All heavy atoms as atom14 arrays in JSON, in Angstrom:
{
  "sequence": "ASFSLGNTEFDNDTNYFGTMGTTNDSHFDILQGGASFVFRNTSNSP",
  "atom14_mask": [
    [1, 1, 1, 1, 1, 0, 0, 0, 0, 0, 0, 0, 0, 0],
    [1, 1, 1, 1, 1, 1, 0, 0, 0, 0, 0, 0, 0, 0],
    [1, 1, 1, 1, 1, 1, 1, 1, 1, 1, 1, 0, 0, 0],
    [1, 1, 1, 1, 1, 1, 0, 0, 0, 0, 0, 0, 0, 0],
    [1, 1, 1, 1, 1, 1, 1, 1, 0, 0, 0, 0, 0, 0],
    [1, 1, 1, 1, 0, 0, 0, 0, 0, 0, 0, 0, 0, 0],
    [1, 1, 1, 1, 1, 1, 1, 1, 0, 0, 0, 0, 0, 0],
    [1, 1, 1, 1, 1, 1, 1, 0, 0, 0, 0, 0, 0, 0],
    [1, 1, 1, 1, 1, 1, 1, 1, 1, 0, 0, 0, 0, 0],
    [1, 1, 1, 1, 1, 1, 1, 1, 1, 1, 1, 0, 0, 0],
    [1, 1, 1, 1, 1, 1, 1, 1, 0, 0, 0, 0, 0, 0],
    [1, 1, 1, 1, 1, 1, 1, 1, 0, 0, 0, 0, 0, 0],
    [1, 1, 1, 1, 1, 1, 1, 1, 0, 0, 0, 0, 0, 0],
    [1, 1, 1, 1, 1, 1, 1, 0, 0, 0, 0, 0, 0, 0],
    [1, 1, 1, 1, 1, 1, 1, 1, 0, 0, 0, 0, 0, 0],
    [1, 1, 1, 1, 1, 1, 1, 1, 1, 1, 1, 1, 0, 0],
    [1, 1, 1, 1, 1, 1, 1, 1, 1, 1, 1, 0, 0, 0],
    [1, 1, 1, 1, 0, 0, 0, 0, 0, 0, 0, 0, 0, 0],
    [1, 1, 1, 1, 1, 1, 1, 0, 0, 0, 0, 0, 0, 0],
    [1, 1, 1, 1, 1, 1, 1, 1, 0, 0, 0, 0, 0, 0],
    [1, 1, 1, 1, 0, 0, 0, 0, 0, 0, 0, 0, 0, 0],
    [1, 1, 1, 1, 1, 1, 1, 0, 0, 0, 0, 0, 0, 0],
    [1, 1, 1, 1, 1, 1, 1, 0, 0, 0, 0, 0, 0, 0],
    [1, 1, 1, 1, 1, 1, 1, 1, 0, 0, 0, 0, 0, 0],
    [1, 1, 1, 1, 1, 1, 1, 1, 0, 0, 0, 0, 0, 0],
    [1, 1, 1, 1, 1, 1, 0, 0, 0, 0, 0, 0, 0, 0],
    [1, 1, 1, 1, 1, 1, 1, 1, 1, 1, 0, 0, 0, 0],
    [1, 1, 1, 1, 1, 1, 1, 1, 1, 1, 1, 0, 0, 0],
    [1, 1, 1, 1, 1, 1, 1, 1, 0, 0, 0, 0, 0, 0],
    [1, 1, 1, 1, 1, 1, 1, 1, 0, 0, 0, 0, 0, 0],
    [1, 1, 1, 1, 1, 1, 1, 1, 0, 0, 0, 0, 0, 0],
    [1, 1, 1, 1, 1, 1, 1, 1, 1, 0, 0, 0, 0, 0],
    [1, 1, 1, 1, 0, 0, 0, 0, 0, 0, 0, 0, 0, 0],
    [1, 1, 1, 1, 0, 0, 0, 0, 0, 0, 0, 0, 0, 0],
    [1, 1, 1, 1, 1, 0, 0, 0, 0, 0, 0, 0, 0, 0],
    [1, 1, 1, 1, 1, 1, 0, 0, 0, 0, 0, 0, 0, 0],
    [1, 1, 1, 1, 1, 1, 1, 1, 1, 1, 1, 0, 0, 0],
    [1, 1, 1, 1, 1, 1, 1, 0, 0, 0, 0, 0, 0, 0],
    [1, 1, 1, 1, 1, 1, 1, 1, 1, 1, 1, 0, 0, 0],
    [1, 1, 1, 1, 1, 1, 1, 1, 1, 1, 1, 0, 0, 0],
    [1, 1, 1, 1, 1, 1, 1, 1, 0, 0, 0, 0, 0, 0],
    [1, 1, 1, 1, 1, 1, 1, 0, 0, 0, 0, 0, 0, 0],
    [1, 1, 1, 1, 1, 1, 0, 0, 0, 0, 0, 0, 0, 0],
    [1, 1, 1, 1, 1, 1, 1, 1, 0, 0, 0, 0, 0, 0],
    [1, 1, 1, 1, 1, 1, 0, 0, 0, 0, 0, 0, 0, 0],
    [1, 1, 1, 1, 1, 1, 1, 0, 0, 0, 0, 0, 0, 0]
  ],
  "atom14_positions": [
    [[-0.85, -11.65, 19.69], [-0.94, -12.19, 18.33], [-2.01, -11.44, 17.57], [-2.95, -10.88, 18.17], [-1.25, -13.68, 18.36], [0.0, 0.0, 0.0], [0.0, 0.0, 0.0], [0.0, 0.0, 0.0], [0.0, 0.0, 0.0], [0.0, 0.0, 0.0], [0.0, 0.0, 0.0], [0.0, 0.0, 0.0], [0.0, 0.0, 0.0], [0.0, 0.0, 0.0]],
    [[-1.9, -11.42, 16.24], [-2.92, -10.78, 15.42], [-2.95, -11.44, 14.05], [-1.99, -12.07, 13.6], [-2.66, -9.27, 15.28], [-1.47, -9.03, 14.57], [0.0, 0.0, 0.0], [0.0, 0.0, 0.0], [0.0, 0.0, 0.0], [0.0, 0.0, 0.0], [0.0, 0.0, 0.0], [0.0, 0.0, 0.0], [0.0, 0.0, 0.0], [0.0, 0.0, 0.0]],
    [[-4.1, -11.24, 13.39], [-4.34, -11.82, 12.07], [-5.19, -10.82, 11.3], [-6.18, -10.3, 11.83], [-5.07, -13.16, 12.22], [-5.39, -13.83, 10.92], [-4.41, -14.48, 10.21], [-6.68, -13.81, 10.41], [-4.7, -15.12, 9.02], [-6.98, -14.43, 9.22], [-5.98, -15.1, 8.52], [0.0, 0.0, 0.0], [0.0, 0.0, 0.0], [0.0, 0.0, 0.0]],
    [[-4.81, -10.55, 10.03], [-5.48, -9.48, 9.26], [-5.89, -9.96, 7.88], [-5.13, -10.66, 7.19], [-4.55, -8.27, 9.1], [-4.16, -7.75, 10.35], [0.0, 0.0, 0.0], [0.0, 0.0, 0.0], [0.0, 0.0, 0.0], [0.0, 0.0, 0.0], [0.0, 0.0, 0.0], [0.0, 0.0, 0.0], [0.0, 0.0, 0.0], [0.0, 0.0, 0.0]],
    [[-7.08, -9.54, 7.49], [-7.61, -9.78, 6.16], [-7.93, -8.43, 5.52], [-8.24, -7.46, 6.22], [-8.89, -10.62, 6.21], [-8.79, -11.99, 6.88], [-10.19, -12.6, 7.02], [-7.89, -12.92, 6.08], [0.0, 0.0, 0.0], [0.0, 0.0, 0.0], [0.0, 0.0, 0.0], [0.0, 0.0, 0.0], [0.0, 0.0, 0.0], [0.0, 0.0, 0.0]],
    [[-7.88, -8.38, 4.19], [-8.16, -7.1, 3.55], [-8.72, -7.27, 2.15], [-8.48, -8.28, 1.47], [0.0, 0.0, 0.0], [0.0, 0.0, 0.0], [0.0, 0.0, 0.0], [0.0, 0.0, 0.0], [0.0, 0.0, 0.0], [0.0, 0.0, 0.0], [0.0, 0.0, 0.0], [0.0, 0.0, 0.0], [0.0, 0.0, 0.0], [0.0, 0.0, 0.0]],
    [[-9.46, -6.26, 1.73], [-9.97, -6.2, 0.36], [-9.43, -4.93, -0.3], [-9.52, -3.83, 0.27], [-11.49, -6.17, 0.34], [-12.04, -6.26, -1.08], [-12.05, -7.32, -1.68], [-12.49, -5.12, -1.61], [0.0, 0.0, 0.0], [0.0, 0.0, 0.0], [0.0, 0.0, 0.0], [0.0, 0.0, 0.0], [0.0, 0.0, 0.0], [0.0, 0.0, 0.0]],
    [[-8.85, -5.11, -1.47], [-8.25, -3.99, -2.21], [-9.01, -3.77, -3.5], [-9.34, -4.71, -4.22], [-6.78, -4.28, -2.53], [-6.05, -4.41, -1.31], [-6.17, -3.16, -3.36], [0.0, 0.0, 0.0], [0.0, 0.0, 0.0], [0.0, 0.0, 0.0], [0.0, 0.0, 0.0], [0.0, 0.0, 0.0], [0.0, 0.0, 0.0], [0.0, 0.0, 0.0]],
    [[-9.31, -2.52, -3.78], [-9.93, -2.14, -5.06], [-9.08, -1.08, -5.72], [-8.68, -0.1, -5.08], [-11.34, -1.61, -4.84], [-12.03, -1.19, -6.14], [-13.47, -0.75, -5.93], [-13.99, -0.94, -4.81], [-14.07, -0.21, -6.88], [0.0, 0.0, 0.0], [0.0, 0.0, 0.0], [0.0, 0.0, 0.0], [0.0, 0.0, 0.0], [0.0, 0.0, 0.0]],
    [[-8.74, -1.29, -7.0], [-7.96, -0.28, -7.7], [-8.69, 0.17, -8.95], [-9.41, -0.6, -9.6], [-6.56, -0.8, -8.05], [-6.52, -1.98, -8.99], [-6.6, -1.81, -10.36], [-6.39, -3.27, -8.49], [-6.55, -2.88, -11.22], [-6.35, -4.36, -9.34], [-6.43, -4.16, -10.71], [0.0, 0.0, 0.0], [0.0, 0.0, 0.0], [0.0, 0.0, 0.0]],
    [[-8.53, 1.45, -9.25], [-9.09, 2.07, -10.44], [-7.95, 2.78, -11.17], [-7.25, 3.6, -10.58], [-10.17, 3.08, -10.08], [-11.37, 2.44, -9.43], [-12.24, 1.94, -10.15], [-11.44, 2.46, -8.18], [0.0, 0.0, 0.0], [0.0, 0.0, 0.0], [0.0, 0.0, 0.0], [0.0, 0.0, 0.0], [0.0, 0.0, 0.0], [0.0, 0.0, 0.0]],
    [[-7.77, 2.44, -12.45], [-6.75, 3.06, -13.26], [-7.39, 3.77, -14.45], [-8.06, 3.13, -15.28], [-5.76, 2.01, -13.79], [-4.92, 1.41, -12.67], [-4.63, 2.07, -11.68], [-4.52, 0.16, -12.84], [0.0, 0.0, 0.0], [0.0, 0.0, 0.0], [0.0, 0.0, 0.0], [0.0, 0.0, 0.0], [0.0, 0.0, 0.0], [0.0, 0.0, 0.0]],
    [[-7.22, 5.08, -14.52], [-7.72, 5.88, -15.63], [-6.54, 6.26, -16.52], [-5.57, 6.87, -16.05], [-8.41, 7.15, -15.12], [-9.62, 6.83, -14.26], [-10.33, 5.86, -14.57], [-9.84, 7.56, -13.26], [0.0, 0.0, 0.0], [0.0, 0.0, 0.0], [0.0, 0.0, 0.0], [0.0, 0.0, 0.0], [0.0, 0.0, 0.0], [0.0, 0.0, 0.0]],
    [[-6.61, 5.89, -17.8], [-5.5, 6.11, -18.7], [-5.85, 7.16, -19.76], [-7.01, 7.35, -20.12], [-5.09, 4.81, -19.41], [-6.24, 4.26, -20.09], [-4.59, 3.79, -18.4], [0.0, 0.0, 0.0], [0.0, 0.0, 0.0], [0.0, 0.0, 0.0], [0.0, 0.0, 0.0], [0.0, 0.0, 0.0], [0.0, 0.0, 0.0], [0.0, 0.0, 0.0]],
    [[-4.8, 7.8, -20.26], [-4.92, 8.78, -21.35], [-3.78, 8.5, -22.32], [-2.62, 8.72, -22.0], [-4.84, 10.2, -20.8], [-5.02, 11.26, -21.88], [-4.89, 10.99, -23.07], [-5.33, 12.47, -21.47], [0.0, 0.0, 0.0], [0.0, 0.0, 0.0], [0.0, 0.0, 0.0], [0.0, 0.0, 0.0], [0.0, 0.0, 0.0], [0.0, 0.0, 0.0]],
    [[-4.14, 7.98, -23.49], [-3.14, 7.65, -24.52], [-3.46, 8.45, -25.77], [-4.42, 8.18, -26.47], [-3.17, 6.16, -24.81], [-2.09, 5.68, -25.76], [-0.75, 5.72, -25.39], [-2.4, 5.2, -27.03], [0.25, 5.29, -26.25], [-1.42, 4.76, -27.9], [-0.09, 4.8, -27.5], [0.9, 4.37, -28.35], [0.0, 0.0, 0.0], [0.0, 0.0, 0.0]],
    [[-2.68, 9.5, -26.0], [-2.86, 10.4, -27.13], [-4.3, 10.9, -27.21], [-4.93, 10.93, -28.26], [-2.44, 9.73, -28.44], [-0.95, 9.62, -28.59], [-0.26, 8.54, -28.06], [-0.22, 10.6, -29.24], [1.11, 8.44, -28.17], [1.15, 10.51, -29.37], [1.83, 9.43, -28.84], [0.0, 0.0, 0.0], [0.0, 0.0, 0.0], [0.0, 0.0, 0.0]],
    [[-4.82, 11.29, -26.02], [-6.14, 11.9, -25.95], [-7.3, 10.95, -25.82], [-8.44, 11.39, -25.63], [0.0, 0.0, 0.0], [0.0, 0.0, 0.0], [0.0, 0.0, 0.0], [0.0, 0.0, 0.0], [0.0, 0.0, 0.0], [0.0, 0.0, 0.0], [0.0, 0.0, 0.0], [0.0, 0.0, 0.0], [0.0, 0.0, 0.0], [0.0, 0.0, 0.0]],
    [[-7.05, 9.65, -25.91], [-8.12, 8.66, -25.75], [-8.11, 8.13, -24.32], [-7.06, 7.7, -23.82], [-7.96, 7.5, -26.73], [-7.96, 8.0, -28.07], [-9.09, 6.49, -26.58], [0.0, 0.0, 0.0], [0.0, 0.0, 0.0], [0.0, 0.0, 0.0], [0.0, 0.0, 0.0], [0.0, 0.0, 0.0], [0.0, 0.0, 0.0], [0.0, 0.0, 0.0]],
    [[-9.25, 8.2, -23.66], [-9.35, 7.83, -22.27], [-9.75, 6.37, -22.13], [-10.46, 5.8, -22.97], [-10.37, 8.71, -21.55], [-10.21, 10.2, -21.8], [-8.59, 10.85, -21.32], [-8.72, 10.7, -19.53], [0.0, 0.0, 0.0], [0.0, 0.0, 0.0], [0.0, 0.0, 0.0], [0.0, 0.0, 0.0], [0.0, 0.0, 0.0], [0.0, 0.0, 0.0]],
    [[-9.31, 5.74, -21.04], [-9.68, 4.37, -20.73], [-9.76, 4.19, -19.22], [-9.13, 4.93, -18.46], [0.0, 0.0, 0.0], [0.0, 0.0, 0.0], [0.0, 0.0, 0.0], [0.0, 0.0, 0.0], [0.0, 0.0, 0.0], [0.0, 0.0, 0.0], [0.0, 0.0, 0.0], [0.0, 0.0, 0.0], [0.0, 0.0, 0.0], [0.0, 0.0, 0.0]],
    [[-10.52, 3.2, -18.77], [-10.69, 2.93, -17.35], [-10.69, 1.43, -17.1], [-11.33, 0.68, -17.85], [-12.01, 3.53, -16.83], [-11.98, 4.95, -16.99], [-12.19, 3.21, -15.34], [0.0, 0.0, 0.0], [0.0, 0.0, 0.0], [0.0, 0.0, 0.0], [0.0, 0.0, 0.0], [0.0, 0.0, 0.0], [0.0, 0.0, 0.0], [0.0, 0.0, 0.0]],
    [[-9.98, 1.01, -16.1], [-10.05, -0.37, -15.63], [-10.2, -0.34, -14.11], [-9.71, 0.57, -13.44], [-8.79, -1.18, -15.99], [-7.63, -0.53, -15.44], [-8.64, -1.32, -17.49], [0.0, 0.0, 0.0], [0.0, 0.0, 0.0], [0.0, 0.0, 0.0], [0.0, 0.0, 0.0], [0.0, 0.0, 0.0], [0.0, 0.0, 0.0], [0.0, 0.0, 0.0]],
    [[-10.89, -1.33, -13.57], [-11.0, -1.46, -12.12], [-11.15, -2.93, -11.77], [-11.65, -3.72, -12.57], [-12.17, -0.63, -11.57], [-13.49, -1.04, -12.17], [-14.06, -2.06, -11.8], [-13.99, -0.23, -13.09], [0.0, 0.0, 0.0], [0.0, 0.0, 0.0], [0.0, 0.0, 0.0], [0.0, 0.0, 0.0], [0.0, 0.0, 0.0], [0.0, 0.0, 0.0]],
    [[-10.71, -3.26, -10.58], [-10.77, -4.64, -10.11], [-10.62, -4.63, -8.6], [-10.25, -3.62, -7.99], [-9.66, -5.47, -10.75], [-9.95, -6.96, -10.72], [-10.98, -7.36, -10.15], [-9.13, -7.73, -11.25], [0.0, 0.0, 0.0], [0.0, 0.0, 0.0], [0.0, 0.0, 0.0], [0.0, 0.0, 0.0], [0.0, 0.0, 0.0], [0.0, 0.0, 0.0]],
    [[-10.91, -5.75, -7.98], [-10.75, -5.88, -6.54], [-10.32, -7.3, -6.22], [-10.55, -8.23, -7.0], [-12.04, -5.53, -5.79], [-13.07, -6.43, -6.14], [0.0, 0.0, 0.0], [0.0, 0.0, 0.0], [0.0, 0.0, 0.0], [0.0, 0.0, 0.0], [0.0, 0.0, 0.0], [0.0, 0.0, 0.0], [0.0, 0.0, 0.0], [0.0, 0.0, 0.0]],
    [[-9.69, -7.47, -5.08], [-9.26, -8.78, -4.65], [-9.18, -8.82, -3.13], [-9.02, -7.8, -2.46], [-7.92, -9.18, -5.27], [-6.82, -8.19, -5.03], [-6.56, -7.14, -5.88], [-5.92, -8.08, -4.02], [-5.55, -6.43, -5.42], [-5.15, -6.97, -4.29], [0.0, 0.0, 0.0], [0.0, 0.0, 0.0], [0.0, 0.0, 0.0], [0.0, 0.0, 0.0]],
    [[-9.26, -10.01, -2.6], [-9.29, -10.27, -1.16], [-8.05, -11.07, -0.79], [-7.73, -12.05, -1.47], [-10.56, -11.04, -0.81], [-10.75, -11.3, 0.66], [-11.24, -10.32, 1.49], [-10.43, -12.54, 1.2], [-11.42, -10.56, 2.84], [-10.6, -12.79, 2.54], [-11.1, -11.8, 3.37], [0.0, 0.0, 0.0], [0.0, 0.0, 0.0], [0.0, 0.0, 0.0]],
    [[-7.36, -10.66, 0.29], [-6.09, -11.3, 0.63], [-5.91, -11.43, 2.14], [-6.51, -10.68, 2.92], [-4.9, -10.48, 0.09], [-4.82, -10.49, -1.41], [-4.81, -11.59, -1.99], [-4.78, -9.4, -2.01], [0.0, 0.0, 0.0], [0.0, 0.0, 0.0], [0.0, 0.0, 0.0], [0.0, 0.0, 0.0], [0.0, 0.0, 0.0], [0.0, 0.0, 0.0]],
    [[-5.04, -12.36, 2.5], [-4.49, -12.41, 3.86], [-3.29, -11.47, 3.87], [-2.35, -11.62, 3.09], [-4.06, -13.83, 4.24], [-5.28, -14.77, 4.24], [-3.37, -13.84, 5.6], [-4.9, -16.23, 4.45], [0.0, 0.0, 0.0], [0.0, 0.0, 0.0], [0.0, 0.0, 0.0], [0.0, 0.0, 0.0], [0.0, 0.0, 0.0], [0.0, 0.0, 0.0]],
    [[-3.32, -10.47, 4.74], [-2.3, -9.43, 4.73], [-1.22, -9.62, 5.78], [-0.08, -9.19, 5.57], [-2.96, -8.06, 4.95], [-4.07, -7.67, 3.99], [-4.59, -6.29, 4.33], [-3.58, -7.74, 2.55], [0.0, 0.0, 0.0], [0.0, 0.0, 0.0], [0.0, 0.0, 0.0], [0.0, 0.0, 0.0], [0.0, 0.0, 0.0], [0.0, 0.0, 0.0]],
    [[-1.57, -10.25, 6.88], [-0.63, -10.25, 8.01], [-1.03, -11.33, 9.0], [-2.19, -11.69, 9.13], [-0.65, -8.86, 8.66], [0.09, -8.7, 9.95], [-0.73, -9.1, 11.19], [-1.96, -9.04, 11.17], [-0.05, -9.52, 12.24], [0.0, 0.0, 0.0], [0.0, 0.0, 0.0], [0.0, 0.0, 0.0], [0.0, 0.0, 0.0], [0.0, 0.0, 0.0]],
    [[-0.04, -11.84, 9.7], [-0.28, -12.77, 10.8], [1.0, -12.95, 11.59], [2.1, -12.99, 11.02], [0.0, 0.0, 0.0], [0.0, 0.0, 0.0], [0.0, 0.0, 0.0], [0.0, 0.0, 0.0], [0.0, 0.0, 0.0], [0.0, 0.0, 0.0], [0.0, 0.0, 0.0], [0.0, 0.0, 0.0], [0.0, 0.0, 0.0], [0.0, 0.0, 0.0]],
    [[0.88, -13.04, 12.89], [2.08, -13.23, 13.68], [1.82, -13.16, 15.16], [0.71, -12.84, 15.62], [0.0, 0.0, 0.0], [0.0, 0.0, 0.0], [0.0, 0.0, 0.0], [0.0, 0.0, 0.0], [0.0, 0.0, 0.0], [0.0, 0.0, 0.0], [0.0, 0.0, 0.0], [0.0, 0.0, 0.0], [0.0, 0.0, 0.0], [0.0, 0.0, 0.0]],
    [[2.86, -13.49, 15.92], [2.75, -13.48, 17.38], [4.1, -13.12, 17.99], [5.16, -13.47, 17.46], [2.3, -14.85, 17.89], [0.0, 0.0, 0.0], [0.0, 0.0, 0.0], [0.0, 0.0, 0.0], [0.0, 0.0, 0.0], [0.0, 0.0, 0.0], [0.0, 0.0, 0.0], [0.0, 0.0, 0.0], [0.0, 0.0, 0.0], [0.0, 0.0, 0.0]],
    [[4.04, -12.4, 19.11], [5.22, -12.08, 19.91], [5.0, -12.59, 21.33], [3.93, -12.37, 21.92], [5.47, -10.56, 19.95], [5.98, -10.08, 18.73], [0.0, 0.0, 0.0], [0.0, 0.0, 0.0], [0.0, 0.0, 0.0], [0.0, 0.0, 0.0], [0.0, 0.0, 0.0], [0.0, 0.0, 0.0], [0.0, 0.0, 0.0], [0.0, 0.0, 0.0]],
    [[6.02, -13.25, 21.85], [5.94, -13.83, 23.19], [6.88, -13.05, 24.1], [8.07, -12.9, 23.82], [6.32, -15.31, 23.15], [5.42, -16.12, 22.26], [5.74, -16.33, 20.92], [4.23, -16.65, 22.76], [4.91, -17.06, 20.09], [3.39, -17.39, 21.94], [3.73, -17.59, 20.6], [0.0, 0.0, 0.0], [0.0, 0.0, 0.0], [0.0, 0.0, 0.0]],
    [[6.31, -12.51, 25.17], [7.03, -11.6, 26.07], [7.39, -12.35, 27.35], [6.55, -13.02, 27.95], [6.17, -10.37, 26.38], [6.89, -9.45, 27.36], [5.83, -9.62, 25.09], [0.0, 0.0, 0.0], [0.0, 0.0, 0.0], [0.0, 0.0, 0.0], [0.0, 0.0, 0.0], [0.0, 0.0, 0.0], [0.0, 0.0, 0.0], [0.0, 0.0, 0.0]],
    [[8.65, -12.2, 27.77], [9.14, -12.85, 28.98], [9.73, -11.78, 29.9], [10.7, -11.1, 29.54], [10.22, -13.88, 28.63], [9.77, -14.91, 27.63], [9.99, -14.71, 26.27], [9.12, -16.05, 28.04], [9.58, -15.64, 25.33], [8.69, -17.0, 27.12], [8.92, -16.79, 25.77], [0.0, 0.0, 0.0], [0.0, 0.0, 0.0], [0.0, 0.0, 0.0]],
    [[9.14, -11.63, 31.07], [9.62, -10.64, 32.02], [10.79, -11.21, 32.83], [10.8, -12.39, 33.19], [8.5, -10.21, 32.96], [7.4, -9.42, 32.26], [6.43, -8.8, 33.25], [5.45, -7.96, 32.55], [5.66, -6.7, 32.24], [6.81, -6.12, 32.58], [4.74, -6.0, 31.61], [0.0, 0.0, 0.0], [0.0, 0.0, 0.0], [0.0, 0.0, 0.0]],
    [[11.73, -10.35, 33.11], [12.9, -10.72, 33.91], [12.62, -10.34, 35.37], [12.48, -9.17, 35.7], [14.14, -10.01, 33.38], [15.42, -10.52, 34.01], [15.38, -11.34, 34.93], [16.55, -10.04, 33.51], [0.0, 0.0, 0.0], [0.0, 0.0, 0.0], [0.0, 0.0, 0.0], [0.0, 0.0, 0.0], [0.0, 0.0, 0.0], [0.0, 0.0, 0.0]],
    [[12.55, -11.32, 36.24], [12.22, -11.06, 37.65], [13.46, -10.79, 38.49], [13.33, -10.51, 39.68], [11.47, -12.26, 38.23], [12.27, -13.44, 38.09], [10.14, -12.46, 37.5], [0.0, 0.0, 0.0], [0.0, 0.0, 0.0], [0.0, 0.0, 0.0], [0.0, 0.0, 0.0], [0.0, 0.0, 0.0], [0.0, 0.0, 0.0], [0.0, 0.0, 0.0]],
    [[14.64, -10.85, 37.91], [15.87, -10.55, 38.66], [16.07, -9.03, 38.72], [15.27, -8.25, 38.23], [17.07, -11.22, 38.0], [17.36, -10.58, 36.77], [0.0, 0.0, 0.0], [0.0, 0.0, 0.0], [0.0, 0.0, 0.0], [0.0, 0.0, 0.0], [0.0, 0.0, 0.0], [0.0, 0.0, 0.0], [0.0, 0.0, 0.0], [0.0, 0.0, 0.0]],
    [[17.18, -8.63, 39.31], [17.5, -7.21, 39.44], [18.25, -6.66, 38.23], [18.77, -5.55, 38.27], [18.33, -6.96, 40.7], [17.51, -7.21, 41.97], [16.31, -6.93, 42.0], [18.16, -7.74, 43.0], [0.0, 0.0, 0.0], [0.0, 0.0, 0.0], [0.0, 0.0, 0.0], [0.0, 0.0, 0.0], [0.0, 0.0, 0.0], [0.0, 0.0, 0.0]],
    [[18.32, -7.43, 37.16], [19.01, -6.99, 35.95], [18.3, -5.79, 35.35], [17.07, -5.67, 35.42], [19.05, -8.14, 34.93], [19.49, -7.67, 33.67], [0.0, 0.0, 0.0], [0.0, 0.0, 0.0], [0.0, 0.0, 0.0], [0.0, 0.0, 0.0], [0.0, 0.0, 0.0], [0.0, 0.0, 0.0], [0.0, 0.0, 0.0], [0.0, 0.0, 0.0]],
    [[19.06, -4.87, 34.72], [18.41, -3.74, 34.04], [17.64, -4.17, 32.79], [16.85, -3.39, 32.25], [19.58, -2.83, 33.65], [20.78, -3.73, 33.61], [20.54, -4.76, 34.67], [0.0, 0.0, 0.0], [0.0, 0.0, 0.0], [0.0, 0.0, 0.0], [0.0, 0.0, 0.0], [0.0, 0.0, 0.0], [0.0, 0.0, 0.0], [0.0, 0.0, 0.0]]
  ]
}
């Protein structure tokens, strides 16, 4: 099983008819979670 958290930061630089702009932000999220259960076969099956 595993569980993941993450922080994302984005920066967007814009150019509109020669005028520049910048925005940036960040956020924190739960990205993933799950489990796999494995069962071994003890017979002679392939």
